[in-house]
Amino acid sequence: MITHPIDPNPHSVRTDSTVKTDHAHDMDGLSPEHLFSPQEMELLSDLSNPLVISRDLSLYSIQTPFMIMLETCREQDGLCNIFQFTQRSYHSVQMNKQIVDFTRRRPLHRHSCIEIMYVLQGHVTNHVENQIFTYEAGECCIMNKNIRHSEDFTGDFQAVFLMLRDDFITELLAEYYEMASVTAKPDDANLVLQLFQDSQNQSLQFDKVYLDCFPVIPADGILEKTAPLFNSILHEIINL
């Protein structure tokens, strides 16, 4: 696992990345109507949609304590399917090639919550601040709230995005410490735990920090275990 505190120096992130300014994502001043298809605008204007995007497209928020989003793209078919799951609702949208082209023109955005991306199949290219990273199947990225980024809807891939709001993380930490008090001491060296703890600290919660998680065993072995786990989680949410 690698932790990345980002500062204004563009060379301060990880050494295996490509430093590049991506003008395709620099679209300041354009209204959402220029960047979203009519179908997407209809979805985004749906008040029951848990995902809320600011007018300038720079901030993504969720209306529920957590949201799981499953994205599946098949470039050869020109399709990308997005499924959103929360304890209150289920949304889905299918994007054709024309709609996918809209996504490539969107500016970098940030979240008001922590976002975890886990790649199940293929690979995902992520523009993070002024860096470009590629995540393969079995790899994971955990982003703090203030990280500006944008994923590319290209190639064939399937990825899960887990968004966790502050109030939900507070509940998770309370349960964790309750269990740790009777089983073992809290693992203060755990970087994920540290990021969650910092999200509760007003002076640290918007630090530009994100974590990269790479498998230490062959990815296929991990995916055999994680795929059923994700299916079980989604099934439980749907039946709440």
C-alpha atoms as a PDB file:
ATOM      1  CA  MET A   1       0.000   0.000   0.000  1.00  0.00           C
ATOM      2  CA  ILE A   2       1.277   3.447  -0.927  1.00  0.00           C
ATOM      3  CA  THR A   3       0.108   6.711   0.589  1.00  0.00           C
ATOM      4  CA  HIS A   4       0.301   9.902  -1.468  1.00  0.00           C
ATOM      5  CA  PRO A   5       0.179  13.307   0.239  1.00  0.00           C
ATOM      6  CA  ILE A   6      -0.202  15.692  -2.697  1.00  0.00           C
ATOM      7  CA  ASP A   7       1.248  19.176  -2.587  1.00  0.00           C
ATOM      8  CA  PRO A   8       1.447  21.882  -5.270  1.00  0.00           C
ATOM      9  CA  ASN A   9       4.673  20.377  -6.666  1.00  0.00           C
ATOM     10  CA  PRO A  10       3.513  18.211  -9.588  1.00  0.00           C
ATOM     11  CA  HIS A  11       6.482  15.863  -9.131  1.00  0.00           C
ATOM     12  CA  SER A  12       5.664  15.005  -5.535  1.00  0.00           C
ATOM     13  CA  VAL A  13       3.347  12.080  -6.188  1.00  0.00           C
ATOM     14  CA  ARG A  14       4.566   8.632  -7.220  1.00  0.00           C
ATOM     15  CA  THR A  15       7.546   8.113  -9.463  1.00  0.00           C
ATOM     16  CA  ASP A  16       5.949   5.611 -11.854  1.00  0.00           C
ATOM     17  CA  SER A  17       3.252   8.055 -12.967  1.00  0.00           C
ATOM     18  CA  THR A  18       3.128  10.186 -16.063  1.00  0.00           C
ATOM     19  CA  VAL A  19       3.123  13.918 -15.417  1.00  0.00           C
ATOM     20  CA  LYS A  20       0.778  15.499 -17.889  1.00  0.00           C
ATOM     21  CA  THR A  21      -1.646  18.376 -18.111  1.00  0.00           C
ATOM     22  CA  ASP A  22      -4.859  17.055 -19.603  1.00  0.00           C
ATOM     23  CA  HIS A  23      -6.616  19.863 -21.455  1.00  0.00           C
ATOM     24  CA  ALA A  24      -9.569  17.598 -22.235  1.00  0.00           C
ATOM     25  CA  HIS A  25     -10.583  17.932 -18.586  1.00  0.00           C
ATOM     26  CA  ASP A  26     -10.065  21.696 -18.392  1.00  0.00           C
ATOM     27  CA  MET A  27     -13.544  22.890 -19.324  1.00  0.00           C
ATOM     28  CA  ASP A  28     -14.175  25.720 -16.890  1.00  0.00           C
ATOM     29  CA  GLY A  29     -17.113  27.930 -17.750  1.00  0.00           C
ATOM     30  CA  LEU A  30     -19.190  25.329 -19.566  1.00  0.00           C
ATOM     31  CA  SER A  31     -22.652  24.570 -18.259  1.00  0.00           C
ATOM     32  CA  PRO A  32     -23.754  20.983 -17.542  1.00  0.00           C
ATOM     33  CA  GLU A  33     -25.873  21.011 -20.705  1.00  0.00           C
ATOM     34  CA  HIS A  34     -22.638  21.130 -22.721  1.00  0.00           C
ATOM     35  CA  LEU A  35     -21.088  18.204 -20.863  1.00  0.00           C
ATOM     36  CA  PHE A  36     -24.019  15.874 -20.245  1.00  0.00           C
ATOM     37  CA  SER A  37     -26.409  14.253 -22.665  1.00  0.00           C
ATOM     38  CA  PRO A  38     -30.160  14.948 -22.297  1.00  0.00           C
ATOM     39  CA  GLN A  39     -30.551  11.446 -20.830  1.00  0.00           C
ATOM     40  CA  GLU A  40     -27.920  12.164 -18.185  1.00  0.00           C
ATOM     41  CA  MET A  41     -29.409  15.553 -17.375  1.00  0.00           C
ATOM     42  CA  GLU A  42     -32.753  13.861 -16.772  1.00  0.00           C
ATOM     43  CA  LEU A  43     -31.092  11.360 -14.434  1.00  0.00           C
ATOM     44  CA  LEU A  44     -29.126  14.004 -12.548  1.00  0.00           C
ATOM     45  CA  SER A  45     -32.224  16.150 -12.058  1.00  0.00           C
ATOM     46  CA  ASP A  46     -34.034  13.221 -10.436  1.00  0.00           C
ATOM     47  CA  LEU A  47     -34.396  14.225  -6.774  1.00  0.00           C
ATOM     48  CA  SER A  48     -34.360  10.569  -5.740  1.00  0.00           C
ATOM     49  CA  ASN A  49     -30.887  10.075  -7.225  1.00  0.00           C
ATOM     50  CA  PRO A  50     -28.413   9.729  -4.322  1.00  0.00           C
ATOM     51  CA  LEU A  51     -25.624  11.321  -6.386  1.00  0.00           C
ATOM     52  CA  VAL A  52     -25.653  15.128  -6.460  1.00  0.00           C
ATOM     53  CA  ILE A  53     -23.364  17.059  -8.806  1.00  0.00           C
ATOM     54  CA  SER A  54     -22.728  20.775  -8.392  1.00  0.00           C
ATOM     55  CA  ARG A  55     -23.648  23.196 -11.156  1.00  0.00           C
ATOM     56  CA  ASP A  56     -20.014  23.734 -12.145  1.00  0.00           C
ATOM     57  CA  LEU A  57     -19.393  19.951 -12.092  1.00  0.00           C
ATOM     58  CA  SER A  58     -16.555  20.333  -9.572  1.00  0.00           C
ATOM     59  CA  LEU A  59     -18.164  18.661  -6.544  1.00  0.00           C
ATOM     60  CA  TYR A  60     -19.893  15.282  -6.278  1.00  0.00           C
ATOM     61  CA  SER A  61     -21.919  14.580  -3.119  1.00  0.00           C
ATOM     62  CA  ILE A  62     -24.201  11.803  -1.939  1.00  0.00           C
ATOM     63  CA  GLN A  63     -27.509  12.202  -0.113  1.00  0.00           C
ATOM     64  CA  THR A  64     -27.180   8.915   1.754  1.00  0.00           C
ATOM     65  CA  PRO A  65     -24.572   7.733   4.302  1.00  0.00           C
ATOM     66  CA  PHE A  66     -22.951   5.529   1.656  1.00  0.00           C
ATOM     67  CA  MET A  67     -23.318   4.564  -1.985  1.00  0.00           C
ATOM     68  CA  ILE A  68     -21.942   1.682  -4.026  1.00  0.00           C
ATOM     69  CA  MET A  69     -21.558   2.262  -7.748  1.00  0.00           C
ATOM     70  CA  LEU A  70     -20.791  -0.547 -10.196  1.00  0.00           C
ATOM     71  CA  GLU A  71     -19.489   0.532 -13.605  1.00  0.00           C
ATOM     72  CA  THR A  72     -19.125  -1.848 -16.538  1.00  0.00           C
ATOM     73  CA  CYS A  73     -17.754  -0.629 -19.875  1.00  0.00           C
ATOM     74  CA  ARG A  74     -17.461  -2.545 -23.133  1.00  0.00           C
ATOM     75  CA  GLU A  75     -15.637  -0.378 -25.643  1.00  0.00           C
ATOM     76  CA  GLN A  76     -16.178  -2.769 -28.547  1.00  0.00           C
ATOM     77  CA  ASP A  77     -19.943  -2.421 -28.053  1.00  0.00           C
ATOM     78  CA  GLY A  78     -19.740   1.306 -27.309  1.00  0.00           C
ATOM     79  CA  LEU A  79     -21.627   0.840 -24.035  1.00  0.00           C
ATOM     80  CA  CYS A  80     -21.080   1.724 -20.393  1.00  0.00           C
ATOM     81  CA  ASN A  81     -23.514   0.682 -17.668  1.00  0.00           C
ATOM     82  CA  ILE A  82     -23.653   2.366 -14.263  1.00  0.00           C
ATOM     83  CA  PHE A  83     -25.548   0.917 -11.306  1.00  0.00           C
ATOM     84  CA  GLN A  84     -25.980   2.884  -8.061  1.00  0.00           C
ATOM     85  CA  PHE A  85     -26.926   1.114  -4.840  1.00  0.00           C
ATOM     86  CA  THR A  86     -27.850   2.636  -1.486  1.00  0.00           C
ATOM     87  CA  GLN A  87     -29.997   1.488   1.424  1.00  0.00           C
ATOM     88  CA  ARG A  88     -32.767   3.703   0.042  1.00  0.00           C
ATOM     89  CA  SER A  89     -32.658   3.337  -3.709  1.00  0.00           C
ATOM     90  CA  TYR A  90     -31.313   1.715  -6.835  1.00  0.00           C
ATOM     91  CA  HIS A  91     -30.508   3.632 -10.017  1.00  0.00           C
ATOM     92  CA  SER A  92     -29.093   2.509 -13.340  1.00  0.00           C
ATOM     93  CA  VAL A  93     -28.146   4.216 -16.571  1.00  0.00           C
ATOM     94  CA  GLN A  94     -26.746   2.912 -19.828  1.00  0.00           C
ATOM     95  CA  MET A  95     -24.436   5.210 -21.730  1.00  0.00           C
ATOM     96  CA  ASN A  96     -23.869   4.700 -25.434  1.00  0.00           C
ATOM     97  CA  LYS A  97     -20.792   5.909 -27.326  1.00  0.00           C
ATOM     98  CA  GLN A  98     -22.204   9.413 -27.785  1.00  0.00           C
ATOM     99  CA  ILE A  99     -22.844   9.771 -24.062  1.00  0.00           C
ATOM    100  CA  VAL A 100     -19.433   8.303 -23.173  1.00  0.00           C
ATOM    101  CA  ASP A 101     -17.828  10.971 -25.353  1.00  0.00           C
ATOM    102  CA  PHE A 102     -19.420  13.577 -23.060  1.00  0.00           C
ATOM    103  CA  THR A 103     -17.595  12.118 -20.062  1.00  0.00           C
ATOM    104  CA  ARG A 104     -14.203  12.691 -21.668  1.00  0.00           C
ATOM    105  CA  ARG A 105     -14.844  16.444 -21.735  1.00  0.00           C
ATOM    106  CA  ARG A 106     -15.760  16.839 -18.088  1.00  0.00           C
ATOM    107  CA  PRO A 107     -13.476  18.735 -15.719  1.00  0.00           C
ATOM    108  CA  LEU A 108     -11.713  17.109 -12.806  1.00  0.00           C
ATOM    109  CA  HIS A 109     -13.991  16.849  -9.779  1.00  0.00           C
ATOM    110  CA  ARG A 110     -13.746  16.093  -6.077  1.00  0.00           C
ATOM    111  CA  HIS A 111     -16.071  14.435  -3.585  1.00  0.00           C
ATOM    112  CA  SER A 112     -17.560  15.566  -0.300  1.00  0.00           C
ATOM    113  CA  CYS A 113     -16.938  12.023   0.915  1.00  0.00           C
ATOM    114  CA  ILE A 114     -14.192   9.403   0.799  1.00  0.00           C
ATOM    115  CA  GLU A 115     -14.179   7.321  -2.378  1.00  0.00           C
ATOM    116  CA  ILE A 116     -12.787   3.804  -2.765  1.00  0.00           C
ATOM    117  CA  MET A 117     -12.293   2.428  -6.285  1.00  0.00           C
ATOM    118  CA  TYR A 118     -11.657  -1.285  -6.776  1.00  0.00           C
ATOM    119  CA  VAL A 119     -11.040  -2.712 -10.267  1.00  0.00           C
ATOM    120  CA  LEU A 120     -12.712  -6.086 -10.845  1.00  0.00           C
ATOM    121  CA  GLN A 121     -11.869  -6.569 -14.524  1.00  0.00           C
ATOM    122  CA  GLY A 122      -9.675  -4.844 -17.104  1.00  0.00           C
ATOM    123  CA  HIS A 123      -8.055  -1.563 -16.173  1.00  0.00           C
ATOM    124  CA  VAL A 124      -9.155   1.982 -15.315  1.00  0.00           C
ATOM    125  CA  THR A 125      -7.274   5.159 -16.183  1.00  0.00           C
ATOM    126  CA  ASN A 126      -7.646   7.835 -13.521  1.00  0.00           C
ATOM    127  CA  HIS A 127      -6.633  11.491 -13.868  1.00  0.00           C
ATOM    128  CA  VAL A 128      -5.566  12.535 -10.357  1.00  0.00           C
ATOM    129  CA  GLU A 129      -4.702  16.208  -9.933  1.00  0.00           C
ATOM    130  CA  ASN A 130      -2.043  16.615 -12.676  1.00  0.00           C
ATOM    131  CA  GLN A 131      -1.092  12.935 -12.796  1.00  0.00           C
ATOM    132  CA  ILE A 132      -2.408   9.989 -14.806  1.00  0.00           C
ATOM    133  CA  PHE A 133      -2.548   6.535 -13.200  1.00  0.00           C
ATOM    134  CA  THR A 134      -3.723   3.175 -14.514  1.00  0.00           C
ATOM    135  CA  TYR A 135      -5.218   0.624 -12.125  1.00  0.00           C
ATOM    136  CA  GLU A 136      -5.358  -3.040 -13.117  1.00  0.00           C
ATOM    137  CA  ALA A 137      -7.772  -5.735 -11.923  1.00  0.00           C
ATOM    138  CA  GLY A 138      -7.245  -6.415  -8.223  1.00  0.00           C
ATOM    139  CA  GLU A 139      -5.875  -2.932  -7.512  1.00  0.00           C
ATOM    140  CA  CYS A 140      -7.562  -0.313  -5.367  1.00  0.00           C
ATOM    141  CA  CYS A 141      -7.406   3.434  -4.823  1.00  0.00           C
ATOM    142  CA  ILE A 142      -8.748   5.268  -1.754  1.00  0.00           C
ATOM    143  CA  MET A 143      -9.214   9.027  -2.161  1.00  0.00           C
ATOM    144  CA  ASN A 144      -9.756  11.680   0.460  1.00  0.00           C
ATOM    145  CA  LYS A 145     -12.404  14.351  -0.122  1.00  0.00           C
ATOM    146  CA  ASN A 146     -10.223  17.040  -1.609  1.00  0.00           C
ATOM    147  CA  ILE A 147      -8.563  15.044  -4.408  1.00  0.00           C
ATOM    148  CA  ARG A 148      -9.441  16.366  -7.872  1.00  0.00           C
ATOM    149  CA  HIS A 149      -9.783  13.472 -10.307  1.00  0.00           C
ATOM    150  CA  SER A 150     -11.711  11.993 -13.224  1.00  0.00           C
ATOM    151  CA  GLU A 151     -11.954   8.431 -14.502  1.00  0.00           C
ATOM    152  CA  ASP A 152     -11.854   7.609 -18.212  1.00  0.00           C
ATOM    153  CA  PHE A 153     -14.726   5.536 -19.586  1.00  0.00           C
ATOM    154  CA  THR A 154     -12.530   3.749 -22.122  1.00  0.00           C
ATOM    155  CA  GLY A 155     -11.567   0.142 -22.780  1.00  0.00           C
ATOM    156  CA  ASP A 156     -13.286  -2.887 -21.303  1.00  0.00           C
ATOM    157  CA  PHE A 157     -13.463  -2.811 -17.515  1.00  0.00           C
ATOM    158  CA  GLN A 158     -15.606  -3.364 -14.466  1.00  0.00           C
ATOM    159  CA  ALA A 159     -14.992  -1.378 -11.295  1.00  0.00           C
ATOM    160  CA  VAL A 160     -16.716  -0.829  -7.976  1.00  0.00           C
ATOM    161  CA  PHE A 161     -16.819   2.609  -6.352  1.00  0.00           C
ATOM    162  CA  LEU A 162     -17.667   2.882  -2.662  1.00  0.00           C
ATOM    163  CA  MET A 163     -18.490   6.362  -1.355  1.00  0.00           C
ATOM    164  CA  LEU A 164     -18.524   6.900   2.411  1.00  0.00           C
ATOM    165  CA  ARG A 165     -19.919  10.022   4.030  1.00  0.00           C
ATOM    166  CA  ASP A 166     -18.529  11.386   7.327  1.00  0.00           C
ATOM    167  CA  ASP A 167     -21.479  10.242   9.420  1.00  0.00           C
ATOM    168  CA  PHE A 168     -21.152   6.692   8.091  1.00  0.00           C
ATOM    169  CA  ILE A 169     -17.399   6.632   8.793  1.00  0.00           C
ATOM    170  CA  THR A 170     -18.131   7.810  12.338  1.00  0.00           C
ATOM    171  CA  GLU A 171     -20.361   4.759  12.798  1.00  0.00           C
ATOM    172  CA  LEU A 172     -17.733   2.451  11.277  1.00  0.00           C
ATOM    173  CA  LEU A 173     -15.015   3.769  13.602  1.00  0.00           C
ATOM    174  CA  ALA A 174     -17.261   3.415  16.655  1.00  0.00           C
ATOM    175  CA  GLU A 175     -17.970  -0.226  15.791  1.00  0.00           C
ATOM    176  CA  TYR A 176     -14.292  -0.869  15.064  1.00  0.00           C
ATOM    177  CA  TYR A 177     -13.100   0.507  18.401  1.00  0.00           C
ATOM    178  CA  GLU A 178     -15.828  -1.359  20.249  1.00  0.00           C
ATOM    179  CA  MET A 179     -14.660  -4.646  18.732  1.00  0.00           C
ATOM    180  CA  ALA A 180     -10.982  -3.781  19.162  1.00  0.00           C
ATOM    181  CA  SER A 181     -11.524  -3.062  22.857  1.00  0.00           C
ATOM    182  CA  VAL A 182     -12.380  -6.700  23.530  1.00  0.00           C
ATOM    183  CA  THR A 183     -10.327  -8.484  20.872  1.00  0.00           C
ATOM    184  CA  ALA A 184      -7.088  -6.587  20.321  1.00  0.00           C
ATOM    185  CA  LYS A 185      -5.516  -3.164  20.405  1.00  0.00           C
ATOM    186  CA  PRO A 186      -6.459  -0.831  17.514  1.00  0.00           C
ATOM    187  CA  ASP A 187      -4.073  -1.076  14.581  1.00  0.00           C
ATOM    188  CA  ASP A 188      -2.812   2.513  14.538  1.00  0.00           C
ATOM    189  CA  ALA A 189      -0.330   1.625  11.762  1.00  0.00           C
ATOM    190  CA  ASN A 190      -3.181   0.831   9.368  1.00  0.00           C
ATOM    191  CA  LEU A 191      -3.130   3.543   6.687  1.00  0.00           C
ATOM    192  CA  VAL A 192      -6.811   3.093   5.797  1.00  0.00           C
ATOM    193  CA  LEU A 193      -7.761   3.431   9.442  1.00  0.00           C
ATOM    194  CA  GLN A 194      -5.564   6.533   9.678  1.00  0.00           C
ATOM    195  CA  LEU A 195      -7.292   8.113   6.681  1.00  0.00           C
ATOM    196  CA  PHE A 196     -10.696   7.398   8.202  1.00  0.00           C
ATOM    197  CA  GLN A 197      -9.589   8.881  11.521  1.00  0.00           C
ATOM    198  CA  ASP A 198      -8.232  11.986   9.799  1.00  0.00           C
ATOM    199  CA  SER A 199     -11.562  12.438   8.011  1.00  0.00           C
ATOM    200  CA  GLN A 200     -13.053  13.156  11.453  1.00  0.00           C
ATOM    201  CA  ASN A 201     -10.427  15.810  12.216  1.00  0.00           C
ATOM    202  CA  GLN A 202     -11.387  19.303  11.028  1.00  0.00           C
ATOM    203  CA  SER A 203      -7.764  20.279  10.454  1.00  0.00           C
ATOM    204  CA  LEU A 204      -6.953  17.107   8.453  1.00  0.00           C
ATOM    205  CA  GLN A 205     -10.175  16.044   6.749  1.00  0.00           C
ATOM    206  CA  PHE A 206      -9.462  17.906   3.498  1.00  0.00           C
ATOM    207  CA  ASP A 207      -5.776  17.007   3.193  1.00  0.00           C
ATOM    208  CA  LYS A 208      -4.847  15.955  -0.335  1.00  0.00           C
ATOM    209  CA  VAL A 209      -4.046  12.345   0.530  1.00  0.00           C
ATOM    210  CA  TYR A 210      -4.899   9.144  -1.283  1.00  0.00           C
ATOM    211  CA  LEU A 211      -3.841   5.517  -0.961  1.00  0.00           C
ATOM    212  CA  ASP A 212      -2.910   2.982  -3.619  1.00  0.00           C
ATOM    213  CA  CYS A 213      -3.434  -0.668  -2.696  1.00  0.00           C
ATOM    214  CA  PHE A 214      -1.710  -3.387  -4.708  1.00  0.00           C
ATOM    215  CA  PRO A 215      -2.182  -7.157  -4.275  1.00  0.00           C
ATOM    216  CA  VAL A 216       0.746  -9.050  -2.712  1.00  0.00           C
ATOM    217  CA  ILE A 217      -0.541 -12.312  -4.183  1.00  0.00           C
ATOM    218  CA  PRO A 218      -1.783 -12.949  -7.741  1.00  0.00           C
ATOM    219  CA  ALA A 219      -4.815 -10.781  -8.460  1.00  0.00           C
ATOM    220  CA  ASP A 220      -6.868 -13.771  -9.663  1.00  0.00           C
ATOM    221  CA  GLY A 221      -6.713 -15.288  -6.194  1.00  0.00           C
ATOM    222  CA  ILE A 222      -8.029 -12.083  -4.625  1.00  0.00           C
ATOM    223  CA  LEU A 223     -10.754 -11.555  -7.215  1.00  0.00           C
ATOM    224  CA  GLU A 224     -12.087 -15.068  -6.585  1.00  0.00           C
ATOM    225  CA  LYS A 225     -12.814 -13.945  -3.025  1.00  0.00           C
ATOM    226  CA  THR A 226     -13.810 -10.302  -3.577  1.00  0.00           C
ATOM    227  CA  ALA A 227     -16.307 -10.835  -6.405  1.00  0.00           C
ATOM    228  CA  PRO A 228     -18.635 -13.020  -4.255  1.00  0.00           C
ATOM    229  CA  LEU A 229     -18.145 -10.566  -1.379  1.00  0.00           C
ATOM    230  CA  PHE A 230     -19.318  -7.616  -3.481  1.00  0.00           C
ATOM    231  CA  ASN A 231     -22.274  -9.643  -4.753  1.00  0.00           C
ATOM    232  CA  SER A 232     -23.225 -10.510  -1.165  1.00  0.00           C
ATOM    233  CA  ILE A 233     -22.988  -6.851  -0.096  1.00  0.00           C
ATOM    234  CA  LEU A 234     -25.159  -5.694  -3.010  1.00  0.00           C
ATOM    235  CA  HIS A 235     -27.720  -8.411  -2.333  1.00  0.00           C
ATOM    236  CA  GLU A 236     -27.918  -7.350   1.316  1.00  0.00           C
ATOM    237  CA  ILE A 237     -28.367  -3.672   0.390  1.00  0.00           C
ATOM    238  CA  ILE A 238     -31.097  -4.419  -2.142  1.00  0.00           C
ATOM    239  CA  ASN A 239     -33.014  -6.402   0.459  1.00  0.00           C
ATOM    240  CA  LEU A 240     -32.779  -3.800   3.241  1.00  0.00           C
END
